[in-house]
Amino acid sequence: MTLSELREQKVVIDDNEREKQHQEDLQRIRGFRLIDDDFMNACFDGYIEGTELLLRIILNKQDIHVKKVTTQRTMKNLLGRDICLDIDAADDSGMEYNIEVQRSDKGADKKRARYHSSILDAHLLRPKEDFSKLPETFVIFITENDVLGENEPIYIIDRQITNIGKPFDDGEHIIYVNGSDKNVSTELGKLMHDFFCTSPDDMHYSELANKVRYFKEDEKGVASMCKVLEDMRNESAKKADEQRLITDIRNVMESFGVSIEKAMESLKIPVEQQGMYANLINKQ
């Protein structure tokens, strides 16, 4: 076989692999639901109407008017762990909302809700600003299962002065929505039903169905979801490569009793990347 024929054969194999991957992506998109992180992020990013629907039903307040909404917003903690908010929203009265969807019970740990609330607070006051300016905040977990185990459709957690049984009224609210309760006789049950639908035709709320239909059936919407999946694969491959290199650095350090710097130098890691790898190793 000539070199030219080998190249042509490789092109055909590459094209076949790409097409196979594309068909797998399309199949995966058809199975997506709003309870699935990546799909929810795509559907709600910048989507004020859908976020208003969500908050009005969960909080039972029809006068909520969202002014901004983003997904996957990272909030830095210089002294500890960063967080990434699934949905970050604010309304026109100044209230702040963090909505998280969690299929894993572990991902909805009570102390995670507490931590999200604290980091949210830390980002809402400017230096020297009076504490009274801290806005009311809501951290809302929508969970696949009844993680609190009391068979309630929703759990609303507010601080109180326990010895006299009165609310503390500090403006912090944590809410768990039980996604397993899909009682369609209630607005919240209909909402949870919609969160677990794969087909927009089966959904109750047009605000959600229209957005789901766009990403599952519209050519541009499907293409953007395929791009999301491709980016996820690339990011996963990048992290796997980074982890392999971290393992190599550690092995050199342990085998030869050298510093991180010497190990990276021996592995010919570019100088501009050495700081990043040193930080990753120190954090693990």
Protein backbone atom coordinates (compact mmCIF):
# COMPACT_ATOMS: atom_id res chain seq x y z
CA MET A 1 0.00 0.00 0.00
CA THR A 2 1.34 3.41 -0.94
CA LEU A 3 1.76 6.33 1.47
CA SER A 4 -1.08 8.13 -0.31
CA GLU A 5 -3.39 5.14 0.11
CA LEU A 6 -2.49 4.89 3.82
CA ARG A 7 -3.37 8.55 4.29
CA GLU A 8 -6.70 8.07 2.52
CA GLN A 9 -7.47 5.06 4.68
CA LYS A 10 -6.70 7.07 7.84
CA VAL A 11 -9.03 9.85 6.68
CA VAL A 12 -11.83 7.31 6.16
CA ILE A 13 -11.24 5.79 9.61
CA ASP A 14 -11.16 9.24 11.23
CA ASP A 15 -14.38 10.23 9.45
CA ASN A 16 -16.06 7.00 10.57
CA GLU A 17 -14.96 7.55 14.17
CA ARG A 18 -16.23 11.13 14.12
CA GLU A 19 -19.58 10.02 12.73
CA LYS A 20 -19.85 7.26 15.33
CA GLN A 21 -19.08 9.78 18.09
CA HIS A 22 -21.63 12.21 16.64
CA GLN A 23 -24.37 9.58 16.63
CA GLU A 24 -23.52 8.68 20.24
CA ASP A 25 -23.76 12.36 21.17
CA LEU A 26 -27.18 12.67 19.51
CA GLN A 27 -28.41 9.62 21.40
CA ARG A 28 -27.09 11.06 24.66
CA ILE A 29 -28.80 14.42 24.01
CA ARG A 30 -32.13 12.68 23.40
CA GLY A 31 -31.86 11.14 26.87
CA PHE A 32 -30.97 14.36 28.69
CA ARG A 33 -33.28 15.76 31.41
CA LEU A 34 -33.22 19.03 33.32
CA ILE A 35 -32.06 17.15 36.42
CA ASP A 36 -28.85 16.37 34.49
CA ASP A 37 -26.24 19.00 35.32
CA ASP A 38 -24.82 19.77 31.88
CA PHE A 39 -28.20 19.93 30.16
CA MET A 40 -29.69 22.11 32.88
CA ASN A 41 -26.72 24.48 32.63
CA ALA A 42 -27.31 24.90 28.90
CA CYS A 43 -31.06 25.41 29.27
CA PHE A 44 -30.94 27.98 32.07
CA ASP A 45 -27.88 30.03 31.12
CA GLY A 46 -29.19 33.58 30.68
CA TYR A 47 -32.77 32.27 30.63
CA ILE A 48 -34.68 34.73 32.83
CA GLU A 49 -38.19 33.46 32.02
CA GLY A 50 -37.36 29.87 33.00
CA THR A 51 -35.54 30.92 36.17
CA GLU A 52 -38.48 33.10 37.22
CA LEU A 53 -40.81 30.13 36.76
CA LEU A 54 -38.53 27.97 38.92
CA LEU A 55 -38.27 30.48 41.75
CA ARG A 56 -41.93 31.52 41.73
CA ILE A 57 -43.06 27.90 42.11
CA ILE A 58 -40.43 26.81 44.67
CA LEU A 59 -40.80 29.92 46.84
CA ASN A 60 -44.54 30.30 46.17
CA LYS A 61 -44.05 33.97 45.28
CA GLN A 62 -45.49 35.22 42.03
CA ASP A 63 -43.90 38.67 42.23
CA ILE A 64 -40.29 37.52 41.69
CA HIS A 65 -38.71 39.31 38.72
CA VAL A 66 -35.26 38.01 37.85
CA LYS A 67 -32.89 40.60 36.43
CA LYS A 68 -29.87 38.37 35.71
CA VAL A 69 -29.03 34.68 35.61
CA THR A 70 -25.87 32.75 34.76
CA THR A 71 -24.84 29.11 35.07
CA GLN A 72 -21.57 27.54 36.18
CA ARG A 73 -20.31 30.68 37.93
CA THR A 74 -17.17 30.03 39.94
CA MET A 75 -16.83 31.80 43.30
CA LYS A 76 -13.27 31.92 44.60
CA ASN A 77 -12.19 31.33 48.17
CA LEU A 78 -8.58 32.44 48.58
CA LEU A 79 -8.26 30.58 51.89
CA GLY A 80 -10.09 27.38 50.98
CA ARG A 81 -12.29 25.57 48.51
CA ASP A 82 -13.88 27.36 45.55
CA ILE A 83 -17.48 26.62 44.55
CA CYS A 84 -19.18 26.51 41.16
CA LEU A 85 -22.83 27.59 41.15
CA ASP A 86 -25.18 25.65 38.87
CA ILE A 87 -27.57 28.62 38.60
CA ASP A 88 -26.71 32.05 40.00
CA ALA A 89 -29.54 34.59 39.86
CA ALA A 90 -30.60 37.93 41.31
CA ASP A 91 -33.99 39.63 41.28
CA ASP A 92 -34.95 43.29 41.02
CA SER A 93 -35.40 43.58 44.80
CA GLY A 94 -31.77 42.61 45.44
CA MET A 95 -32.32 39.04 46.60
CA GLU A 96 -29.69 36.50 45.52
CA TYR A 97 -30.35 32.88 44.52
CA ASN A 98 -28.14 29.83 44.06
CA ILE A 99 -29.96 26.83 42.58
CA GLU A 100 -28.18 23.46 42.53
CA VAL A 101 -29.42 20.25 40.89
CA GLN A 102 -28.08 17.07 42.46
CA ARG A 103 -28.67 13.50 41.36
CA SER A 104 -26.28 12.18 43.99
CA ASP A 105 -27.39 12.28 47.63
CA LYS A 106 -23.76 12.94 48.62
CA GLY A 107 -23.73 16.05 46.45
CA ALA A 108 -26.58 17.53 48.50
CA ASP A 109 -24.91 17.20 51.90
CA LYS A 110 -26.28 19.62 54.52
CA LYS A 111 -22.85 21.10 55.13
CA ARG A 112 -22.43 21.73 51.41
CA ALA A 113 -25.57 23.85 51.54
CA ARG A 114 -24.12 25.71 54.52
CA TYR A 115 -20.82 26.24 52.70
CA HIS A 116 -22.53 27.53 49.54
CA SER A 117 -24.50 29.97 51.65
CA SER A 118 -21.36 31.25 53.38
CA ILE A 119 -19.38 31.71 50.16
CA LEU A 120 -22.36 33.44 48.56
CA ASP A 121 -22.44 35.88 51.50
CA ALA A 122 -18.68 36.47 51.27
CA HIS A 123 -19.07 37.69 47.68
CA LEU A 124 -22.00 40.02 48.32
CA LEU A 125 -20.36 42.71 50.44
CA ARG A 126 -17.68 45.11 49.27
CA PRO A 127 -14.76 45.99 51.57
CA LYS A 128 -15.91 48.12 54.54
CA GLU A 129 -19.55 47.95 53.44
CA ASP A 130 -21.97 47.79 56.35
CA PHE A 131 -23.20 44.30 57.26
CA SER A 132 -26.79 45.54 57.10
CA LYS A 133 -26.36 45.79 53.33
CA LEU A 134 -26.00 42.01 53.02
CA PRO A 135 -28.94 40.91 50.81
CA GLU A 136 -31.37 38.09 51.51
CA THR A 137 -30.04 34.84 50.02
CA PHE A 138 -31.55 31.52 48.98
CA VAL A 139 -29.55 28.35 48.42
CA ILE A 140 -31.88 25.85 46.75
CA PHE A 141 -31.02 22.18 46.17
CA ILE A 142 -33.20 20.25 43.72
CA THR A 143 -32.44 16.60 44.45
CA GLU A 144 -33.30 13.39 42.62
CA ASN A 145 -34.11 11.62 45.89
CA ASP A 146 -35.63 12.62 49.22
CA VAL A 147 -32.23 13.25 50.81
CA LEU A 148 -33.67 14.55 54.10
CA GLY A 149 -35.88 11.49 54.39
CA GLU A 150 -39.06 13.02 55.83
CA ASN A 151 -41.27 12.35 52.79
CA GLU A 152 -41.96 16.03 52.20
CA PRO A 153 -42.03 17.67 48.74
CA ILE A 154 -40.01 20.64 49.99
CA TYR A 155 -37.92 21.51 53.05
CA ILE A 156 -37.45 25.16 54.07
CA ILE A 157 -34.60 25.75 56.51
CA ASP A 158 -34.32 29.08 58.33
CA ARG A 159 -32.40 29.93 61.50
CA GLN A 160 -34.35 30.44 64.70
CA ILE A 161 -33.75 31.35 68.35
CA THR A 162 -34.32 27.84 69.64
CA ASN A 163 -34.89 28.58 73.35
CA ILE A 164 -37.83 30.88 72.60
CA GLY A 165 -38.93 29.40 69.28
CA LYS A 166 -38.75 32.63 67.29
CA PRO A 167 -37.14 33.20 63.89
CA PHE A 168 -33.67 34.77 63.84
CA ASP A 169 -34.44 36.60 60.56
CA ASP A 170 -30.86 36.96 59.32
CA GLY A 171 -31.93 36.69 55.67
CA GLU A 172 -30.30 33.31 54.99
CA HIS A 173 -32.51 30.55 53.56
CA ILE A 174 -31.67 26.98 52.57
CA ILE A 175 -34.26 24.96 50.67
CA TYR A 176 -34.32 21.33 49.55
CA VAL A 177 -36.78 20.31 46.82
CA ASN A 178 -37.56 16.60 46.77
CA GLY A 179 -37.42 15.62 43.10
CA SER A 180 -38.94 12.21 43.79
CA ASP A 181 -42.26 13.87 44.64
CA LYS A 182 -43.91 14.34 41.22
CA ASN A 183 -47.48 14.87 42.38
CA VAL A 184 -48.94 16.64 39.33
CA SER A 185 -51.88 17.95 41.36
CA THR A 186 -49.46 20.61 42.67
CA GLU A 187 -47.43 23.22 40.84
CA LEU A 188 -44.23 21.98 42.48
CA GLY A 189 -45.03 18.36 41.56
CA LYS A 190 -45.57 19.39 37.93
CA LEU A 191 -42.24 21.21 37.99
CA MET A 192 -40.43 18.12 39.29
CA HIS A 193 -42.20 15.99 36.70
CA ASP A 194 -40.84 18.31 34.00
CA PHE A 195 -37.33 18.10 35.44
CA PHE A 196 -37.32 14.36 34.81
CA CYS A 197 -38.83 14.35 31.29
CA THR A 198 -36.72 13.44 28.27
CA SER A 199 -39.36 14.65 25.81
CA PRO A 200 -40.60 18.26 25.76
CA ASP A 201 -43.98 16.96 24.59
CA ASP A 202 -44.51 15.39 28.01
CA MET A 203 -43.78 18.58 29.97
CA HIS A 204 -46.37 20.77 31.70
CA TYR A 205 -44.62 24.15 31.53
CA SER A 206 -44.07 25.68 28.10
CA GLU A 207 -41.25 27.86 29.47
CA LEU A 208 -39.25 24.69 30.10
CA ALA A 209 -40.56 22.62 27.19
CA ASN A 210 -39.62 25.25 24.60
CA LYS A 211 -36.04 25.48 25.87
CA VAL A 212 -35.66 21.69 26.06
CA ARG A 213 -37.08 21.35 22.53
CA TYR A 214 -34.55 23.88 21.23
CA PHE A 215 -31.56 21.92 22.53
CA LYS A 216 -32.97 18.55 21.47
CA GLU A 217 -34.63 19.30 18.13
CA ASP A 218 -33.45 22.62 16.69
CA GLU A 219 -30.38 22.32 14.44
CA LYS A 220 -28.52 25.16 16.16
CA GLY A 221 -29.50 23.99 19.63
CA VAL A 222 -28.39 20.42 18.97
CA ALA A 223 -25.11 21.68 17.51
CA SER A 224 -24.43 23.74 20.63
CA MET A 225 -25.10 20.72 22.86
CA CYS A 226 -22.77 18.60 20.72
CA LYS A 227 -20.13 21.29 21.25
CA VAL A 228 -20.72 21.11 25.02
CA LEU A 229 -20.17 17.35 24.95
CA GLU A 230 -17.02 17.73 22.84
CA ASP A 231 -15.64 20.34 25.25
CA MET A 232 -16.37 18.01 28.16
CA ARG A 233 -14.44 15.20 26.49
CA ASN A 234 -11.51 17.50 25.79
CA GLU A 235 -11.53 18.77 29.37
CA SER A 236 -11.70 15.23 30.71
CA ALA A 237 -8.77 14.19 28.52
CA LYS A 238 -6.80 17.24 29.66
CA LYS A 239 -7.40 16.42 33.32
CA ALA A 240 -6.39 12.80 32.73
CA ASP A 241 -3.13 13.96 31.12
CA GLU A 242 -2.50 16.33 34.04
CA GLN A 243 -3.12 13.56 36.56
CA ARG A 244 -0.73 11.21 34.76
CA LEU A 245 1.97 13.88 34.82
CA ILE A 246 1.34 14.56 38.52
CA THR A 247 1.82 10.84 39.17
CA ASP A 248 5.09 10.93 37.20
CA ILE A 249 6.31 13.94 39.22
CA ARG A 250 5.52 12.20 42.50
CA ASN A 251 7.23 9.00 41.36
CA VAL A 252 10.42 10.92 40.49
CA MET A 253 10.33 12.75 43.85
CA GLU A 254 9.91 9.51 45.81
CA SER A 255 12.38 7.44 43.75
CA PHE A 256 15.21 9.98 43.78
CA GLY A 257 14.41 12.02 46.88
CA VAL A 258 14.29 15.31 44.97
CA SER A 259 12.13 18.42 45.25
CA ILE A 260 9.07 19.15 43.13
CA GLU A 261 11.13 21.63 41.12
CA LYS A 262 13.88 19.11 40.38
CA ALA A 263 11.35 16.43 39.46
CA MET A 264 9.58 18.76 37.02
CA GLU A 265 12.90 19.83 35.55
CA SER A 266 13.91 16.21 34.94
CA LEU A 267 10.57 15.55 33.23
CA LYS A 268 11.14 18.63 31.03
CA ILE A 269 7.91 20.32 32.10
CA PRO A 270 7.85 23.87 30.64
CA VAL A 271 8.71 26.55 33.20
CA GLU A 272 5.41 28.39 32.61
CA GLN A 273 3.47 25.24 33.66
CA GLN A 274 5.53 24.32 36.72
CA GLY A 275 3.69 26.65 39.10
CA MET A 276 0.35 25.11 38.14
CA TYR A 277 1.59 21.55 38.72
CA ALA A 278 3.23 22.49 42.02
CA ASN A 279 -0.09 23.95 43.22
CA LEU A 280 -2.02 20.86 42.11
CA ILE A 281 0.37 18.54 43.93
CA ASN A 282 0.30 20.62 47.10
CA LYS A 283 -3.51 20.65 47.14
CA GLN A 284 -3.87 16.88 46.78
